[in-house]
Amino acid sequence: MTTLHHQLTLLVIDDDVVNISTLSSMFAKSFNIEIARDGKTALQNILLKDIDLVLSAIDTPIISGQELCTFVKNNKLTSHIPIMFLTANVSQDEEDECLSMGAVDYIDKNTRQSILFSRVDNIMAMVAQQKKLAQVSCTDGLTGLANRMQLDTMINKEWYSAVRGNHGLAALIIDIDHFKLFNDAFGHLEGDKCLKIIASLIAGSKRRERDFAARYGGEEFVLLLPFTDLDGAKKVAQELIDTVQQRKIPSASAASHNVVTISIGIAAIAPNGEGNATSAIELINKADTNLFKAKEAGRNQFSAT
């Protein structure tokens, strides 16, 4: 079986330049390839990038392959990543140890290339299927955005990435103003249509591949913006507010404006900045507090700290 999953990423770890070149050439036509010459670099790749499968030598510099496997499998953010080991010195005791710590395979480096490729390809096919199932289970059925469960996972992942990578992260909580009045005036079917429209506008506001939009619950949404500071988040928020207003969805007569509007609360962390939130939960709570301030100030605006 040969499947082409160019959207899936294989991390190859080996300090041997020849082996790296051989393995990269073998898999480059089927997968995205990341390369690490030592365990420390590999760990950084795993924590900061979307790695789908690790193919590692046993004796890697700085952090060994087995030490890396132990860390990956004990971290809830990375424990799902399968790890395959390659070794030039096959040992049943070592194989037993590697498999017991969570590795999915232990392979002789002298194995025929076609067999090695098939083993990797089979694992990647299972990863692809699992990602499809995860996407279904983590997607909001009405809007098509990520759901709360996926948001909880992603905010922790991006928080850890921002802190470890020393880059900014902004969170926007978006609320449809007077949505209960809208439902009362036009009915829940129209309310669902309104939610879908706003969700599509939020999804369309994403500027980078890593930007992440989710339905937070009811008429609230969250937009995560990695590598974005507070000023950048404010620009995105204002553009989104303007875009929603320009869509000219008629609002309930008792609402503050004659078209549907949104309010946004913003919170952001900056590299080495003072007064930063100390956890992902605190970041979301700050954004939620600012959302309340925006609504108290008259809605159809953002508030930020």
Protein backbone atom coordinates (compact mmCIF):
# COMPACT_ATOMS: atom_id res chain seq x y z
CA MET A 1 0.00 0.00 0.00
CA THR A 2 1.29 3.43 -0.94
CA THR A 3 -0.55 6.51 0.23
CA LEU A 4 0.46 10.10 -0.32
CA HIS A 5 -0.22 12.29 2.71
CA HIS A 6 1.69 15.46 1.89
CA GLN A 7 -0.08 17.23 4.75
CA LEU A 8 1.40 14.77 7.27
CA THR A 9 4.84 15.42 8.77
CA LEU A 10 7.57 12.89 9.49
CA LEU A 11 10.34 13.87 11.88
CA VAL A 12 13.60 12.04 11.12
CA ILE A 13 16.20 12.01 13.93
CA ASP A 14 19.76 10.83 13.33
CA ASP A 15 23.23 12.32 13.74
CA ASP A 16 24.48 10.42 10.67
CA VAL A 17 24.35 12.74 7.65
CA VAL A 18 24.22 9.83 5.21
CA ASN A 19 21.29 8.20 7.02
CA ILE A 20 19.46 11.52 7.19
CA SER A 21 19.90 12.01 3.46
CA THR A 22 18.80 8.47 2.64
CA LEU A 23 15.69 8.60 4.81
CA SER A 24 14.73 12.09 3.62
CA SER A 25 14.97 11.03 -0.01
CA MET A 26 12.96 7.90 0.69
CA PHE A 27 9.98 9.73 2.24
CA ALA A 28 10.09 13.24 0.74
CA LYS A 29 7.63 12.45 -2.06
CA SER A 30 5.00 11.20 0.37
CA PHE A 31 5.30 13.36 3.49
CA ASN A 32 6.53 16.68 4.80
CA ILE A 33 9.97 16.05 6.30
CA GLU A 34 11.50 17.63 9.39
CA ILE A 35 15.10 16.77 10.34
CA ALA A 36 16.90 16.79 13.69
CA ARG A 37 20.52 15.80 14.30
CA ASP A 38 20.11 15.45 18.06
CA GLY A 39 17.43 14.74 20.65
CA LYS A 40 17.22 18.30 21.95
CA THR A 41 16.45 19.74 18.51
CA ALA A 42 13.99 16.92 17.93
CA LEU A 43 12.17 17.73 21.16
CA GLN A 44 11.88 21.39 20.16
CA ASN A 45 10.39 20.34 16.82
CA ILE A 46 7.89 18.08 18.52
CA LEU A 47 6.78 20.80 20.93
CA LEU A 48 6.63 23.65 18.43
CA LYS A 49 5.52 21.94 15.22
CA ASP A 50 2.74 19.61 14.13
CA ILE A 51 4.62 16.30 13.99
CA ASP A 52 2.64 13.19 12.98
CA LEU A 53 5.30 10.47 13.26
CA VAL A 54 8.83 10.28 14.68
CA LEU A 55 11.43 8.03 13.05
CA SER A 56 14.46 8.07 15.34
CA ALA A 57 17.81 6.44 15.84
CA ILE A 58 18.35 4.99 19.31
CA ASP A 59 21.64 6.68 20.19
CA THR A 60 20.97 10.35 19.43
CA PRO A 61 23.21 13.08 20.94
CA ILE A 62 22.24 15.23 23.96
CA ILE A 63 18.91 13.43 24.51
CA SER A 64 18.76 9.77 23.55
CA GLY A 65 15.94 8.33 21.48
CA GLN A 66 14.64 6.43 24.51
CA GLU A 67 14.71 9.54 26.72
CA LEU A 68 12.85 11.43 24.01
CA CYS A 69 10.25 8.68 23.76
CA THR A 70 9.69 8.74 27.52
CA PHE A 71 9.14 12.50 27.51
CA VAL A 72 6.80 12.43 24.50
CA LYS A 73 4.67 9.64 25.93
CA ASN A 74 4.43 11.26 29.37
CA ASN A 75 3.34 14.65 27.99
CA LYS A 76 -0.41 14.86 27.38
CA LEU A 77 0.14 17.29 24.49
CA THR A 78 2.44 14.90 22.62
CA SER A 79 1.54 11.40 23.87
CA HIS A 80 -0.49 10.70 20.71
CA ILE A 81 2.58 10.96 18.44
CA PRO A 82 3.82 7.51 17.35
CA ILE A 83 7.55 6.82 17.57
CA MET A 84 9.47 4.30 15.48
CA PHE A 85 13.07 3.38 16.30
CA LEU A 86 15.86 2.52 13.87
CA THR A 87 18.99 0.75 15.09
CA ALA A 88 22.12 -0.76 13.58
CA ASN A 89 22.58 -3.04 16.59
CA VAL A 90 19.40 -5.06 16.97
CA SER A 91 18.79 -6.40 20.46
CA GLN A 92 15.71 -8.18 21.74
CA ASP A 93 16.21 -6.69 25.21
CA GLU A 94 16.42 -3.18 23.72
CA GLU A 95 13.41 -3.88 21.50
CA ASP A 96 11.42 -5.03 24.53
CA GLU A 97 12.43 -1.86 26.41
CA CYS A 98 11.53 0.48 23.53
CA LEU A 99 8.14 -1.11 22.91
CA SER A 100 7.32 -1.14 26.62
CA MET A 101 7.92 2.62 26.84
CA GLY A 102 5.41 3.26 24.03
CA ALA A 103 7.28 3.00 20.71
CA VAL A 104 5.18 1.52 17.90
CA ASP A 105 8.07 -0.22 16.11
CA TYR A 106 11.73 -1.16 16.40
CA ILE A 107 13.47 -1.71 13.05
CA ASP A 108 16.89 -2.84 11.87
CA LYS A 109 18.56 -0.05 9.86
CA ASN A 110 19.57 -2.72 7.35
CA THR A 111 15.94 -3.58 6.60
CA ARG A 112 15.08 -3.42 2.91
CA GLN A 113 13.98 0.13 1.98
CA SER A 114 10.66 -1.03 0.53
CA ILE A 115 9.80 -2.75 3.83
CA LEU A 116 10.80 0.28 5.90
CA PHE A 117 8.76 2.54 3.65
CA SER A 118 5.71 0.29 3.95
CA ARG A 119 5.96 0.23 7.74
CA VAL A 120 6.13 4.02 7.92
CA ASP A 121 3.40 4.39 5.31
CA ASN A 122 1.08 2.03 7.21
CA ILE A 123 1.52 4.02 10.41
CA MET A 124 0.91 7.28 8.55
CA ALA A 125 -2.28 5.86 7.04
CA MET A 126 -3.55 5.12 10.54
CA VAL A 127 -2.54 8.60 11.69
CA ALA A 128 -4.45 10.13 8.77
CA GLN A 129 -7.56 8.13 9.66
CA GLN A 130 -7.28 9.09 13.32
CA LYS A 131 -6.98 12.77 12.36
CA LYS A 132 -10.12 12.51 10.24
CA LEU A 133 -12.04 10.98 13.13
CA ALA A 134 -10.63 13.56 15.54
CA GLN A 135 -11.67 16.36 13.21
CA VAL A 136 -15.25 15.09 13.21
CA SER A 137 -15.35 14.72 17.00
CA CYS A 138 -13.73 18.11 17.54
CA THR A 139 -15.88 20.11 15.11
CA ASP A 140 -18.96 22.11 16.03
CA GLY A 141 -21.80 20.59 14.05
CA LEU A 142 -23.56 23.87 13.29
CA THR A 143 -20.78 26.30 12.41
CA GLY A 144 -18.03 23.97 11.21
CA LEU A 145 -15.51 25.61 13.53
CA ALA A 146 -13.60 23.71 16.17
CA ASN A 147 -15.64 22.91 19.27
CA ARG A 148 -14.90 23.61 22.93
CA MET A 149 -13.05 20.33 23.44
CA GLN A 150 -10.64 21.08 20.61
CA LEU A 151 -10.25 24.66 21.85
CA ASP A 152 -9.21 23.45 25.29
CA THR A 153 -6.52 21.30 23.69
CA MET A 154 -5.33 23.99 21.30
CA ILE A 155 -5.11 26.85 23.80
CA ASN A 156 -2.84 24.76 26.03
CA LYS A 157 -0.71 23.72 23.06
CA GLU A 158 -0.34 27.29 21.78
CA TRP A 159 0.32 28.62 25.28
CA TYR A 160 3.14 26.14 25.80
CA SER A 161 4.50 26.90 22.34
CA ALA A 162 4.44 30.66 22.96
CA VAL A 163 6.18 30.40 26.32
CA ARG A 164 8.80 27.94 25.14
CA GLY A 165 9.33 29.66 21.78
CA ASN A 166 9.30 33.12 23.36
CA HIS A 167 6.72 34.59 20.99
CA GLY A 168 3.42 36.38 21.37
CA LEU A 169 -0.05 34.85 21.65
CA ALA A 170 -3.36 36.68 21.55
CA ALA A 171 -6.83 35.42 22.42
CA LEU A 172 -10.05 37.06 21.25
CA ILE A 173 -13.42 36.16 22.76
CA ILE A 174 -16.19 37.25 20.41
CA ASP A 175 -19.84 37.62 21.39
CA ILE A 176 -22.80 38.33 19.10
CA ASP A 177 -24.54 41.34 20.60
CA HIS A 178 -28.14 40.84 21.79
CA PHE A 179 -28.34 37.38 20.27
CA LYS A 180 -31.22 36.34 22.55
CA LEU A 181 -33.23 39.28 21.21
CA PHE A 182 -32.37 38.13 17.67
CA ASN A 183 -33.64 34.60 18.40
CA ASP A 184 -36.80 35.93 20.04
CA ALA A 185 -37.51 38.22 17.09
CA PHE A 186 -36.66 35.95 14.15
CA GLY A 187 -36.71 32.40 15.52
CA HIS A 188 -34.02 29.79 16.11
CA LEU A 189 -33.65 28.81 12.45
CA GLU A 190 -32.66 32.36 11.57
CA GLY A 191 -30.53 32.39 14.69
CA ASP A 192 -28.64 29.35 13.42
CA LYS A 193 -28.13 31.08 10.06
CA CYS A 194 -26.75 34.11 11.87
CA LEU A 195 -24.33 31.94 13.87
CA LYS A 196 -23.10 30.30 10.65
CA ILE A 197 -22.51 33.67 8.98
CA ILE A 198 -20.60 35.09 11.93
CA ALA A 199 -18.58 31.87 12.20
CA SER A 200 -17.59 32.11 8.54
CA LEU A 201 -16.52 35.74 8.99
CA ILE A 202 -14.42 34.79 12.01
CA ALA A 203 -12.82 31.94 10.07
CA GLY A 204 -12.14 34.36 7.22
CA SER A 205 -10.34 36.74 9.55
CA LYS A 206 -7.50 34.27 10.12
CA ARG A 207 -4.25 35.58 8.65
CA ARG A 208 -1.86 32.74 9.37
CA GLU A 209 -2.07 28.97 9.08
CA ARG A 210 -1.66 28.66 12.86
CA ASP A 211 -4.56 31.03 13.63
CA PHE A 212 -7.37 29.03 15.24
CA ALA A 213 -11.10 29.70 15.47
CA ALA A 214 -13.57 27.83 17.68
CA ARG A 215 -17.11 28.07 18.97
CA TYR A 216 -16.82 28.74 22.67
CA GLY A 217 -20.46 28.09 23.46
CA GLY A 218 -23.82 29.59 22.48
CA GLU A 219 -23.14 32.81 20.60
CA GLU A 220 -19.53 33.14 21.77
CA PHE A 221 -16.43 32.31 19.75
CA VAL A 222 -12.68 32.31 20.38
CA LEU A 223 -9.95 33.29 17.95
CA LEU A 224 -6.36 32.34 18.88
CA LEU A 225 -3.60 34.30 17.16
CA PRO A 226 -0.09 32.87 17.70
CA PHE A 227 2.87 35.17 16.95
CA THR A 228 0.56 38.16 17.49
CA ASP A 229 1.00 41.00 19.98
CA LEU A 230 -1.72 43.17 21.51
CA ASP A 231 -1.59 45.81 18.75
CA GLY A 232 -1.87 43.15 16.07
CA ALA A 233 -4.83 41.57 17.87
CA LYS A 234 -6.57 44.95 18.10
CA LYS A 235 -6.27 45.38 14.32
CA VAL A 236 -7.78 41.95 13.71
CA ALA A 237 -10.58 42.67 16.17
CA GLN A 238 -11.50 46.02 14.64
CA GLU A 239 -11.46 44.59 11.12
CA LEU A 240 -13.74 41.76 12.27
CA ILE A 241 -16.13 44.18 13.97
CA ASP A 242 -16.28 46.25 10.78
CA THR A 243 -16.76 43.18 8.59
CA VAL A 244 -19.69 41.92 10.67
CA GLN A 245 -21.35 45.33 10.66
CA GLN A 246 -20.85 45.66 6.90
CA ARG A 247 -22.58 42.28 6.40
CA LYS A 248 -25.78 44.14 7.38
CA ILE A 249 -27.66 41.30 9.04
CA PRO A 250 -30.91 42.89 10.32
CA SER A 251 -31.08 42.92 14.11
CA ALA A 252 -33.99 42.83 16.54
CA SER A 253 -35.76 46.13 16.98
CA ALA A 254 -34.85 46.20 20.68
CA ALA A 255 -31.12 45.79 19.97
CA SER A 256 -28.59 48.61 20.29
CA HIS A 257 -27.94 48.77 16.53
CA ASN A 258 -30.08 48.20 13.45
CA VAL A 259 -27.72 45.48 12.19
CA VAL A 260 -26.11 42.55 14.01
CA THR A 261 -22.85 43.52 15.71
CA ILE A 262 -20.22 41.83 17.84
CA SER A 263 -18.21 42.69 20.93
CA ILE A 264 -14.71 41.40 21.52
CA GLY A 265 -12.49 40.92 24.55
CA ILE A 266 -8.76 40.67 23.89
CA ALA A 267 -5.84 39.42 25.96
CA ALA A 268 -2.28 38.84 24.80
CA ILE A 269 1.10 37.77 26.10
CA ALA A 270 4.37 39.21 24.83
CA PRO A 271 7.84 37.65 24.93
CA ASN A 272 9.45 38.51 28.27
CA GLY A 273 6.66 41.00 28.94
CA GLU A 274 5.70 42.09 32.41
CA GLY A 275 2.18 41.54 33.63
CA ASN A 276 1.61 38.59 31.31
CA ALA A 277 -0.97 35.95 32.11
CA THR A 278 0.64 33.01 33.88
CA SER A 279 -1.46 30.27 32.28
CA ALA A 280 -3.70 29.57 29.31
CA ILE A 281 -6.72 29.72 31.60
CA GLU A 282 -5.72 33.16 32.87
CA LEU A 283 -5.28 34.38 29.29
CA ILE A 284 -8.84 33.31 28.42
CA ASN A 285 -10.18 34.76 31.67
CA LYS A 286 -8.54 38.13 30.88
CA ALA A 287 -10.11 38.12 27.43
CA ASP A 288 -13.48 37.25 28.98
CA THR A 289 -13.18 40.13 31.45
CA ASN A 290 -12.41 42.49 28.60
CA LEU A 291 -15.40 41.18 26.67
CA PHE A 292 -17.59 42.19 29.61
CA LYS A 293 -16.01 45.66 29.54
CA ALA A 294 -16.70 46.01 25.81
CA LYS A 295 -20.36 45.09 26.31
CA GLU A 296 -20.70 47.42 29.29
CA ALA A 297 -19.25 50.26 27.20
CA GLY A 298 -21.98 49.95 24.59
CA ARG A 299 -21.12 46.87 22.49
CA ASN A 300 -19.96 46.83 18.84
CA GLN A 301 -16.38 47.40 20.03
CA PHE A 302 -13.41 45.68 21.63
CA SER A 303 -11.65 46.03 24.95
CA ALA A 304 -8.07 44.90 25.45
CA THR A 305 -5.26 44.55 27.99
